[in-house]
Amino acid sequence: MPVSYSMFFVIQGHIMLMKTCTPSSVLLVCLGNICRSPTAEEVFRQQAAIAGLSIKVDSAGTSDSHIGHAPDTRSQRHAKAHGYKINKLVARQVSADDFRNFDLILAMDTQNLADLQAIKDSLIGTEDNLAKLALFSEEDPTYGGDDVPDPYKGDGDDFEEVIERIESSAQAWIESWKAC
Protein backbone atom coordinates (compact mmCIF):
# COMPACT_ATOMS: atom_id res chain seq x y z
CA MET A 1 0.00 0.00 0.00
CA PRO A 2 1.46 3.41 -0.90
CA VAL A 3 2.39 5.88 1.80
CA SER A 4 0.03 8.83 2.05
CA TYR A 5 1.33 12.30 1.37
CA SER A 6 -0.15 15.56 2.52
CA MET A 7 2.14 18.17 0.97
CA PHE A 8 4.51 18.59 -1.89
CA PHE A 9 7.18 21.10 -2.78
CA VAL A 10 9.40 21.73 -5.77
CA ILE A 11 13.20 21.62 -5.59
CA GLN A 12 15.15 22.41 -8.75
CA GLY A 13 12.16 21.53 -10.91
CA HIS A 14 11.44 18.20 -9.19
CA ILE A 15 8.25 17.59 -7.25
CA MET A 16 9.06 16.22 -3.80
CA LEU A 17 6.34 14.62 -1.69
CA MET A 18 6.31 15.01 2.09
CA LYS A 19 4.87 12.25 4.27
CA THR A 20 2.03 12.97 6.62
CA CYS A 21 3.48 13.42 10.09
CA THR A 22 2.57 11.82 13.37
CA PRO A 23 -1.07 10.81 13.72
CA SER A 24 -2.87 11.58 16.98
CA SER A 25 -4.44 8.11 17.05
CA VAL A 26 -3.56 4.62 15.77
CA LEU A 27 -5.67 1.45 15.75
CA LEU A 28 -3.87 -1.89 15.36
CA VAL A 29 -5.91 -4.69 13.81
CA CYS A 30 -5.62 -8.46 13.43
CA LEU A 31 -8.25 -11.17 13.06
CA GLY A 32 -9.36 -11.97 16.61
CA ASN A 33 -7.68 -9.25 18.70
CA ILE A 34 -6.16 -11.83 21.06
CA CYS A 35 -2.60 -12.35 19.75
CA ARG A 36 -0.98 -9.89 17.35
CA SER A 37 -2.94 -6.65 17.75
CA PRO A 38 -3.06 -6.52 21.57
CA THR A 39 0.68 -7.21 21.63
CA ALA A 40 1.20 -4.49 19.03
CA GLU A 41 -0.99 -2.10 21.03
CA GLU A 42 1.23 -2.34 24.10
CA VAL A 43 4.51 -2.35 22.15
CA PHE A 44 3.36 0.70 20.19
CA ARG A 45 2.17 2.49 23.32
CA GLN A 46 5.50 1.95 25.08
CA GLN A 47 7.67 2.85 22.09
CA ALA A 48 5.65 6.01 21.40
CA ALA A 49 6.00 7.10 25.04
CA ILE A 50 9.75 6.49 24.98
CA ALA A 51 9.97 8.58 21.80
CA GLY A 52 8.01 11.38 23.47
CA LEU A 53 5.03 11.04 21.12
CA SER A 54 1.50 11.52 22.43
CA ILE A 55 -0.57 9.04 20.44
CA LYS A 56 -3.86 7.36 21.37
CA VAL A 57 -3.31 3.63 20.71
CA ASP A 58 -5.92 0.87 20.67
CA SER A 59 -6.46 -2.52 19.03
CA ALA A 60 -9.33 -4.49 17.55
CA GLY A 61 -10.10 -7.52 15.40
CA THR A 62 -11.97 -7.91 12.14
CA SER A 63 -13.67 -11.06 13.50
CA ASP A 64 -16.26 -11.20 16.27
CA SER A 65 -15.06 -14.59 17.53
CA HIS A 66 -13.22 -13.39 20.65
CA ILE A 67 -15.14 -10.26 21.72
CA GLY A 68 -14.76 -9.71 25.46
CA HIS A 69 -11.87 -12.18 25.87
CA ALA A 70 -8.45 -11.42 27.29
CA PRO A 71 -5.46 -11.92 25.00
CA ASP A 72 -4.35 -15.51 24.39
CA THR A 73 -2.41 -16.75 27.43
CA ARG A 74 0.59 -17.55 25.23
CA SER A 75 0.61 -13.98 23.94
CA GLN A 76 0.40 -12.70 27.50
CA ARG A 77 3.28 -14.92 28.61
CA HIS A 78 5.60 -14.01 25.75
CA ALA A 79 4.71 -10.32 25.94
CA LYS A 80 5.40 -10.29 29.69
CA ALA A 81 8.81 -11.90 29.11
CA HIS A 82 9.64 -8.84 26.95
CA GLY A 83 8.28 -6.31 29.45
CA TYR A 84 4.81 -5.83 27.95
CA LYS A 85 1.70 -6.30 30.08
CA ILE A 86 -1.32 -7.13 27.94
CA ASN A 87 -3.34 -9.20 30.42
CA LYS A 88 -5.90 -6.43 31.09
CA LEU A 89 -6.71 -5.78 27.43
CA VAL A 90 -10.09 -6.98 26.17
CA ALA A 91 -10.79 -8.09 22.60
CA ARG A 92 -13.24 -6.08 20.53
CA GLN A 93 -14.32 -5.98 16.91
CA VAL A 94 -13.56 -3.11 14.53
CA SER A 95 -16.53 -0.78 14.08
CA ALA A 96 -17.46 1.94 11.61
CA ASP A 97 -16.74 4.48 14.36
CA ASP A 98 -13.10 3.40 14.34
CA PHE A 99 -12.76 4.85 10.84
CA ARG A 100 -14.05 8.18 12.20
CA ASN A 101 -12.16 8.17 15.50
CA PHE A 102 -8.67 7.09 14.43
CA ASP A 103 -6.25 8.83 12.07
CA LEU A 104 -4.45 5.64 11.07
CA ILE A 105 -5.50 1.99 11.11
CA LEU A 106 -2.69 -0.54 10.74
CA ALA A 107 -3.48 -4.11 9.69
CA MET A 108 -1.27 -7.01 10.74
CA ASP A 109 -1.71 -8.76 7.38
CA THR A 110 -3.00 -8.28 3.87
CA GLN A 111 -6.26 -10.17 4.46
CA ASN A 112 -7.19 -7.93 7.38
CA LEU A 113 -6.13 -4.91 5.34
CA ALA A 114 -8.51 -6.00 2.55
CA ASP A 115 -11.31 -6.53 5.09
CA LEU A 116 -10.69 -3.07 6.55
CA GLN A 117 -10.65 -1.54 3.07
CA ALA A 118 -14.06 -3.13 2.36
CA ILE A 119 -15.49 -1.57 5.52
CA LYS A 120 -13.98 1.80 4.64
CA ASP A 121 -15.31 1.56 1.06
CA SER A 122 -18.81 1.03 2.44
CA LEU A 123 -18.47 4.32 4.34
CA ILE A 124 -16.97 6.39 1.54
CA GLY A 125 -19.48 8.60 -0.13
CA THR A 126 -21.43 9.09 3.05
CA GLU A 127 -18.46 10.47 4.98
CA ASP A 128 -15.17 12.23 4.40
CA ASN A 129 -12.04 12.34 6.51
CA LEU A 130 -11.91 8.62 7.35
CA ALA A 131 -8.83 6.92 8.79
CA LYS A 132 -5.94 6.08 6.53
CA LEU A 133 -5.21 2.36 6.18
CA ALA A 134 -1.83 0.68 5.89
CA LEU A 135 -0.09 -2.61 6.44
CA PHE A 136 1.64 -2.66 9.84
CA SER A 137 5.01 -3.52 8.30
CA GLU A 138 4.79 -0.86 5.56
CA GLU A 139 7.52 1.41 6.96
CA ASP A 140 9.78 -1.38 8.22
CA PRO A 141 13.06 -1.76 6.29
CA THR A 142 13.41 -5.34 7.56
CA TYR A 143 9.86 -6.66 7.15
CA GLY A 144 8.36 -4.07 4.78
CA GLY A 145 5.28 -5.43 3.02
CA ASP A 146 5.29 -8.72 4.95
CA ASP A 147 2.38 -10.00 6.99
CA VAL A 148 2.87 -10.37 10.72
CA PRO A 149 2.15 -14.12 10.87
CA ASP A 150 -0.71 -15.27 13.07
CA PRO A 151 0.80 -17.37 15.90
CA TYR A 152 -2.55 -18.70 17.15
CA LYS A 153 -2.06 -22.26 15.87
CA GLY A 154 1.69 -22.20 16.41
CA ASP A 155 4.19 -22.71 19.19
CA GLY A 156 6.37 -20.51 21.39
CA ASP A 157 8.77 -19.70 18.57
CA ASP A 158 5.88 -18.27 16.55
CA PHE A 159 4.91 -15.92 19.40
CA GLU A 160 8.53 -14.82 19.76
CA GLU A 161 8.72 -14.08 16.03
CA VAL A 162 5.56 -11.99 16.29
CA ILE A 163 7.05 -9.88 19.08
CA GLU A 164 10.27 -9.39 17.10
CA ARG A 165 8.35 -8.26 14.00
CA ILE A 166 6.00 -6.02 15.99
CA GLU A 167 8.87 -4.30 17.81
CA SER A 168 10.66 -3.72 14.51
CA SER A 169 7.63 -2.39 12.62
CA ALA A 170 6.40 -0.21 15.49
CA GLN A 171 9.84 1.35 15.77
CA ALA A 172 9.93 1.93 12.01
CA TRP A 173 6.61 3.86 12.10
CA ILE A 174 7.82 5.96 15.02
CA GLU A 175 11.12 6.72 13.30
CA SER A 176 9.26 7.74 10.14
CA TRP A 177 7.13 10.19 12.14
CA LYS A 178 10.12 11.60 14.00
CA ALA A 179 11.74 12.24 10.61
CA CYS A 180 8.83 14.45 9.44
C-alpha atoms as a PDB file:
ATOM      1  CA  MET A   1       0.000   0.000   0.000  1.00  0.00           C
ATOM      2  CA  PRO A   2       1.459   3.413  -0.898  1.00  0.00           C
ATOM      3  CA  VAL A   3       2.391   5.880   1.801  1.00  0.00           C
ATOM      4  CA  SER A   4       0.027   8.830   2.051  1.00  0.00           C
ATOM      5  CA  TYR A   5       1.332  12.298   1.369  1.00  0.00           C
ATOM      6  CA  SER A   6      -0.151  15.564   2.517  1.00  0.00           C
ATOM      7  CA  MET A   7       2.137  18.171   0.973  1.00  0.00           C
ATOM      8  CA  PHE A   8       4.511  18.588  -1.890  1.00  0.00           C
ATOM      9  CA  PHE A   9       7.183  21.099  -2.776  1.00  0.00           C
ATOM     10  CA  VAL A  10       9.403  21.730  -5.772  1.00  0.00           C
ATOM     11  CA  ILE A  11      13.198  21.616  -5.591  1.00  0.00           C
ATOM     12  CA  GLN A  12      15.153  22.407  -8.752  1.00  0.00           C
ATOM     13  CA  GLY A  13      12.162  21.533 -10.905  1.00  0.00           C
ATOM     14  CA  HIS A  14      11.442  18.196  -9.188  1.00  0.00           C
ATOM     15  CA  ILE A  15       8.246  17.586  -7.249  1.00  0.00           C
ATOM     16  CA  MET A  16       9.060  16.221  -3.803  1.00  0.00           C
ATOM     17  CA  LEU A  17       6.338  14.615  -1.691  1.00  0.00           C
ATOM     18  CA  MET A  18       6.309  15.014   2.086  1.00  0.00           C
ATOM     19  CA  LYS A  19       4.867  12.245   4.269  1.00  0.00           C
ATOM     20  CA  THR A  20       2.025  12.965   6.621  1.00  0.00           C
ATOM     21  CA  CYS A  21       3.483  13.424  10.091  1.00  0.00           C
ATOM     22  CA  THR A  22       2.572  11.816  13.367  1.00  0.00           C
ATOM     23  CA  PRO A  23      -1.069  10.808  13.724  1.00  0.00           C
ATOM     24  CA  SER A  24      -2.874  11.577  16.976  1.00  0.00           C
ATOM     25  CA  SER A  25      -4.441   8.106  17.054  1.00  0.00           C
ATOM     26  CA  VAL A  26      -3.561   4.625  15.772  1.00  0.00           C
ATOM     27  CA  LEU A  27      -5.666   1.454  15.745  1.00  0.00           C
ATOM     28  CA  LEU A  28      -3.867  -1.893  15.362  1.00  0.00           C
ATOM     29  CA  VAL A  29      -5.911  -4.694  13.813  1.00  0.00           C
ATOM     30  CA  CYS A  30      -5.616  -8.458  13.430  1.00  0.00           C
ATOM     31  CA  LEU A  31      -8.252 -11.167  13.059  1.00  0.00           C
ATOM     32  CA  GLY A  32      -9.360 -11.966  16.609  1.00  0.00           C
ATOM     33  CA  ASN A  33      -7.679  -9.246  18.698  1.00  0.00           C
ATOM     34  CA  ILE A  34      -6.165 -11.827  21.059  1.00  0.00           C
ATOM     35  CA  CYS A  35      -2.601 -12.353  19.746  1.00  0.00           C
ATOM     36  CA  ARG A  36      -0.984  -9.888  17.349  1.00  0.00           C
ATOM     37  CA  SER A  37      -2.939  -6.650  17.746  1.00  0.00           C
ATOM     38  CA  PRO A  38      -3.058  -6.517  21.571  1.00  0.00           C
ATOM     39  CA  THR A  39       0.679  -7.208  21.631  1.00  0.00           C
ATOM     40  CA  ALA A  40       1.205  -4.490  19.028  1.00  0.00           C
ATOM     41  CA  GLU A  41      -0.988  -2.097  21.031  1.00  0.00           C
ATOM     42  CA  GLU A  42       1.230  -2.344  24.103  1.00  0.00           C
ATOM     43  CA  VAL A  43       4.509  -2.350  22.154  1.00  0.00           C
ATOM     44  CA  PHE A  44       3.361   0.703  20.190  1.00  0.00           C
ATOM     45  CA  ARG A  45       2.168   2.488  23.322  1.00  0.00           C
ATOM     46  CA  GLN A  46       5.499   1.952  25.084  1.00  0.00           C
ATOM     47  CA  GLN A  47       7.668   2.852  22.091  1.00  0.00           C
ATOM     48  CA  ALA A  48       5.653   6.013  21.397  1.00  0.00           C
ATOM     49  CA  ALA A  49       5.996   7.099  25.040  1.00  0.00           C
ATOM     50  CA  ILE A  50       9.753   6.491  24.978  1.00  0.00           C
ATOM     51  CA  ALA A  51       9.969   8.577  21.798  1.00  0.00           C
ATOM     52  CA  GLY A  52       8.010  11.381  23.470  1.00  0.00           C
ATOM     53  CA  LEU A  53       5.031  11.039  21.125  1.00  0.00           C
ATOM     54  CA  SER A  54       1.500  11.518  22.431  1.00  0.00           C
ATOM     55  CA  ILE A  55      -0.569   9.038  20.436  1.00  0.00           C
ATOM     56  CA  LYS A  56      -3.858   7.360  21.366  1.00  0.00           C
ATOM     57  CA  VAL A  57      -3.310   3.630  20.709  1.00  0.00           C
ATOM     58  CA  ASP A  58      -5.922   0.868  20.665  1.00  0.00           C
ATOM     59  CA  SER A  59      -6.457  -2.517  19.035  1.00  0.00           C
ATOM     60  CA  ALA A  60      -9.327  -4.494  17.547  1.00  0.00           C
ATOM     61  CA  GLY A  61     -10.095  -7.520  15.398  1.00  0.00           C
ATOM     62  CA  THR A  62     -11.972  -7.914  12.145  1.00  0.00           C
ATOM     63  CA  SER A  63     -13.668 -11.058  13.498  1.00  0.00           C
ATOM     64  CA  ASP A  64     -16.256 -11.196  16.270  1.00  0.00           C
ATOM     65  CA  SER A  65     -15.060 -14.590  17.527  1.00  0.00           C
ATOM     66  CA  HIS A  66     -13.218 -13.388  20.646  1.00  0.00           C
ATOM     67  CA  ILE A  67     -15.139 -10.260  21.720  1.00  0.00           C
ATOM     68  CA  GLY A  68     -14.757  -9.712  25.458  1.00  0.00           C
ATOM     69  CA  HIS A  69     -11.871 -12.180  25.872  1.00  0.00           C
ATOM     70  CA  ALA A  70      -8.454 -11.423  27.292  1.00  0.00           C
ATOM     71  CA  PRO A  71      -5.462 -11.917  25.002  1.00  0.00           C
ATOM     72  CA  ASP A  72      -4.352 -15.508  24.388  1.00  0.00           C
ATOM     73  CA  THR A  73      -2.408 -16.746  27.430  1.00  0.00           C
ATOM     74  CA  ARG A  74       0.589 -17.549  25.230  1.00  0.00           C
ATOM     75  CA  SER A  75       0.608 -13.975  23.937  1.00  0.00           C
ATOM     76  CA  GLN A  76       0.403 -12.700  27.497  1.00  0.00           C
ATOM     77  CA  ARG A  77       3.284 -14.924  28.613  1.00  0.00           C
ATOM     78  CA  HIS A  78       5.597 -14.011  25.746  1.00  0.00           C
ATOM     79  CA  ALA A  79       4.714 -10.316  25.940  1.00  0.00           C
ATOM     80  CA  LYS A  80       5.404 -10.289  29.689  1.00  0.00           C
ATOM     81  CA  ALA A  81       8.812 -11.902  29.109  1.00  0.00           C
ATOM     82  CA  HIS A  82       9.639  -8.845  26.954  1.00  0.00           C
ATOM     83  CA  GLY A  83       8.280  -6.310  29.450  1.00  0.00           C
ATOM     84  CA  TYR A  84       4.812  -5.831  27.953  1.00  0.00           C
ATOM     85  CA  LYS A  85       1.704  -6.302  30.078  1.00  0.00           C
ATOM     86  CA  ILE A  86      -1.321  -7.129  27.943  1.00  0.00           C
ATOM     87  CA  ASN A  87      -3.343  -9.203  30.418  1.00  0.00           C
ATOM     88  CA  LYS A  88      -5.898  -6.435  31.087  1.00  0.00           C
ATOM     89  CA  LEU A  89      -6.707  -5.785  27.432  1.00  0.00           C
ATOM     90  CA  VAL A  90     -10.089  -6.985  26.166  1.00  0.00           C
ATOM     91  CA  ALA A  91     -10.788  -8.089  22.595  1.00  0.00           C
ATOM     92  CA  ARG A  92     -13.238  -6.082  20.535  1.00  0.00           C
ATOM     93  CA  GLN A  93     -14.319  -5.976  16.911  1.00  0.00           C
ATOM     94  CA  VAL A  94     -13.559  -3.115  14.527  1.00  0.00           C
ATOM     95  CA  SER A  95     -16.528  -0.785  14.085  1.00  0.00           C
ATOM     96  CA  ALA A  96     -17.460   1.938  11.607  1.00  0.00           C
ATOM     97  CA  ASP A  97     -16.740   4.476  14.360  1.00  0.00           C
ATOM     98  CA  ASP A  98     -13.102   3.404  14.342  1.00  0.00           C
ATOM     99  CA  PHE A  99     -12.759   4.853  10.836  1.00  0.00           C
ATOM    100  CA  ARG A 100     -14.048   8.176  12.201  1.00  0.00           C
ATOM    101  CA  ASN A 101     -12.162   8.172  15.496  1.00  0.00           C
ATOM    102  CA  PHE A 102      -8.671   7.094  14.429  1.00  0.00           C
ATOM    103  CA  ASP A 103      -6.248   8.834  12.073  1.00  0.00           C
ATOM    104  CA  LEU A 104      -4.448   5.639  11.065  1.00  0.00           C
ATOM    105  CA  ILE A 105      -5.501   1.990  11.112  1.00  0.00           C
ATOM    106  CA  LEU A 106      -2.689  -0.538  10.739  1.00  0.00           C
ATOM    107  CA  ALA A 107      -3.480  -4.107   9.693  1.00  0.00           C
ATOM    108  CA  MET A 108      -1.273  -7.008  10.740  1.00  0.00           C
ATOM    109  CA  ASP A 109      -1.707  -8.763   7.381  1.00  0.00           C
ATOM    110  CA  THR A 110      -2.998  -8.277   3.868  1.00  0.00           C
ATOM    111  CA  GLN A 111      -6.263 -10.169   4.457  1.00  0.00           C
ATOM    112  CA  ASN A 112      -7.187  -7.928   7.383  1.00  0.00           C
ATOM    113  CA  LEU A 113      -6.126  -4.909   5.337  1.00  0.00           C
ATOM    114  CA  ALA A 114      -8.515  -6.004   2.551  1.00  0.00           C
ATOM    115  CA  ASP A 115     -11.308  -6.528   5.092  1.00  0.00           C
ATOM    116  CA  LEU A 116     -10.690  -3.066   6.548  1.00  0.00           C
ATOM    117  CA  GLN A 117     -10.655  -1.535   3.068  1.00  0.00           C
ATOM    118  CA  ALA A 118     -14.059  -3.127   2.356  1.00  0.00           C
ATOM    119  CA  ILE A 119     -15.492  -1.575   5.520  1.00  0.00           C
ATOM    120  CA  LYS A 120     -13.982   1.799   4.641  1.00  0.00           C
ATOM    121  CA  ASP A 121     -15.306   1.562   1.057  1.00  0.00           C
ATOM    122  CA  SER A 122     -18.809   1.034   2.438  1.00  0.00           C
ATOM    123  CA  LEU A 123     -18.473   4.322   4.340  1.00  0.00           C
ATOM    124  CA  ILE A 124     -16.966   6.386   1.536  1.00  0.00           C
ATOM    125  CA  GLY A 125     -19.479   8.601  -0.133  1.00  0.00           C
ATOM    126  CA  THR A 126     -21.426   9.095   3.053  1.00  0.00           C
ATOM    127  CA  GLU A 127     -18.456  10.472   4.978  1.00  0.00           C
ATOM    128  CA  ASP A 128     -15.169  12.228   4.402  1.00  0.00           C
ATOM    129  CA  ASN A 129     -12.040  12.338   6.514  1.00  0.00           C
ATOM    130  CA  LEU A 130     -11.913   8.624   7.353  1.00  0.00           C
ATOM    131  CA  ALA A 131      -8.835   6.917   8.788  1.00  0.00           C
ATOM    132  CA  LYS A 132      -5.936   6.085   6.532  1.00  0.00           C
ATOM    133  CA  LEU A 133      -5.212   2.364   6.176  1.00  0.00           C
ATOM    134  CA  ALA A 134      -1.832   0.682   5.893  1.00  0.00           C
ATOM    135  CA  LEU A 135      -0.095  -2.608   6.445  1.00  0.00           C
ATOM    136  CA  PHE A 136       1.636  -2.656   9.840  1.00  0.00           C
ATOM    137  CA  SER A 137       5.013  -3.516   8.296  1.00  0.00           C
ATOM    138  CA  GLU A 138       4.789  -0.858   5.565  1.00  0.00           C
ATOM    139  CA  GLU A 139       7.515   1.414   6.961  1.00  0.00           C
ATOM    140  CA  ASP A 140       9.777  -1.382   8.224  1.00  0.00           C
ATOM    141  CA  PRO A 141      13.061  -1.764   6.287  1.00  0.00           C
ATOM    142  CA  THR A 142      13.407  -5.343   7.564  1.00  0.00           C
ATOM    143  CA  TYR A 143       9.857  -6.658   7.153  1.00  0.00           C
ATOM    144  CA  GLY A 144       8.362  -4.068   4.777  1.00  0.00           C
ATOM    145  CA  GLY A 145       5.283  -5.429   3.025  1.00  0.00           C
ATOM    146  CA  ASP A 146       5.294  -8.721   4.950  1.00  0.00           C
ATOM    147  CA  ASP A 147       2.377  -9.997   6.991  1.00  0.00           C
ATOM    148  CA  VAL A 148       2.870 -10.374  10.723  1.00  0.00           C
ATOM    149  CA  PRO A 149       2.153 -14.119  10.871  1.00  0.00           C
ATOM    150  CA  ASP A 150      -0.715 -15.273  13.071  1.00  0.00           C
ATOM    151  CA  PRO A 151       0.800 -17.374  15.898  1.00  0.00           C
ATOM    152  CA  TYR A 152      -2.555 -18.701  17.154  1.00  0.00           C
ATOM    153  CA  LYS A 153      -2.058 -22.258  15.868  1.00  0.00           C
ATOM    154  CA  GLY A 154       1.692 -22.204  16.412  1.00  0.00           C
ATOM    155  CA  ASP A 155       4.195 -22.710  19.191  1.00  0.00           C
ATOM    156  CA  GLY A 156       6.370 -20.513  21.392  1.00  0.00           C
ATOM    157  CA  ASP A 157       8.771 -19.705  18.565  1.00  0.00           C
ATOM    158  CA  ASP A 158       5.880 -18.272  16.548  1.00  0.00           C
ATOM    159  CA  PHE A 159       4.909 -15.925  19.404  1.00  0.00           C
ATOM    160  CA  GLU A 160       8.532 -14.823  19.757  1.00  0.00           C
ATOM    161  CA  GLU A 161       8.721 -14.083  16.030  1.00  0.00           C
ATOM    162  CA  VAL A 162       5.562 -11.991  16.289  1.00  0.00           C
ATOM    163  CA  ILE A 163       7.052  -9.876  19.077  1.00  0.00           C
ATOM    164  CA  GLU A 164      10.272  -9.393  17.097  1.00  0.00           C
ATOM    165  CA  ARG A 165       8.352  -8.260  14.000  1.00  0.00           C
ATOM    166  CA  ILE A 166       6.002  -6.021  15.990  1.00  0.00           C
ATOM    167  CA  GLU A 167       8.870  -4.304  17.811  1.00  0.00           C
ATOM    168  CA  SER A 168      10.661  -3.723  14.510  1.00  0.00           C
ATOM    169  CA  SER A 169       7.634  -2.391  12.623  1.00  0.00           C
ATOM    170  CA  ALA A 170       6.401  -0.214  15.493  1.00  0.00           C
ATOM    171  CA  GLN A 171       9.844   1.350  15.769  1.00  0.00           C
ATOM    172  CA  ALA A 172       9.928   1.929  12.009  1.00  0.00           C
ATOM    173  CA  TRP A 173       6.608   3.856  12.102  1.00  0.00           C
ATOM    174  CA  ILE A 174       7.819   5.956  15.015  1.00  0.00           C
ATOM    175  CA  GLU A 175      11.121   6.721  13.303  1.00  0.00           C
ATOM    176  CA  SER A 176       9.260   7.738  10.144  1.00  0.00           C
ATOM    177  CA  TRP A 177       7.133  10.194  12.136  1.00  0.00           C
ATOM    178  CA  LYS A 178      10.124  11.601  13.998  1.00  0.00           C
ATOM    179  CA  ALA A 179      11.740  12.244  10.608  1.00  0.00           C
ATOM    180  CA  CYS A 180       8.833  14.446   9.442  1.00  0.00           C
END
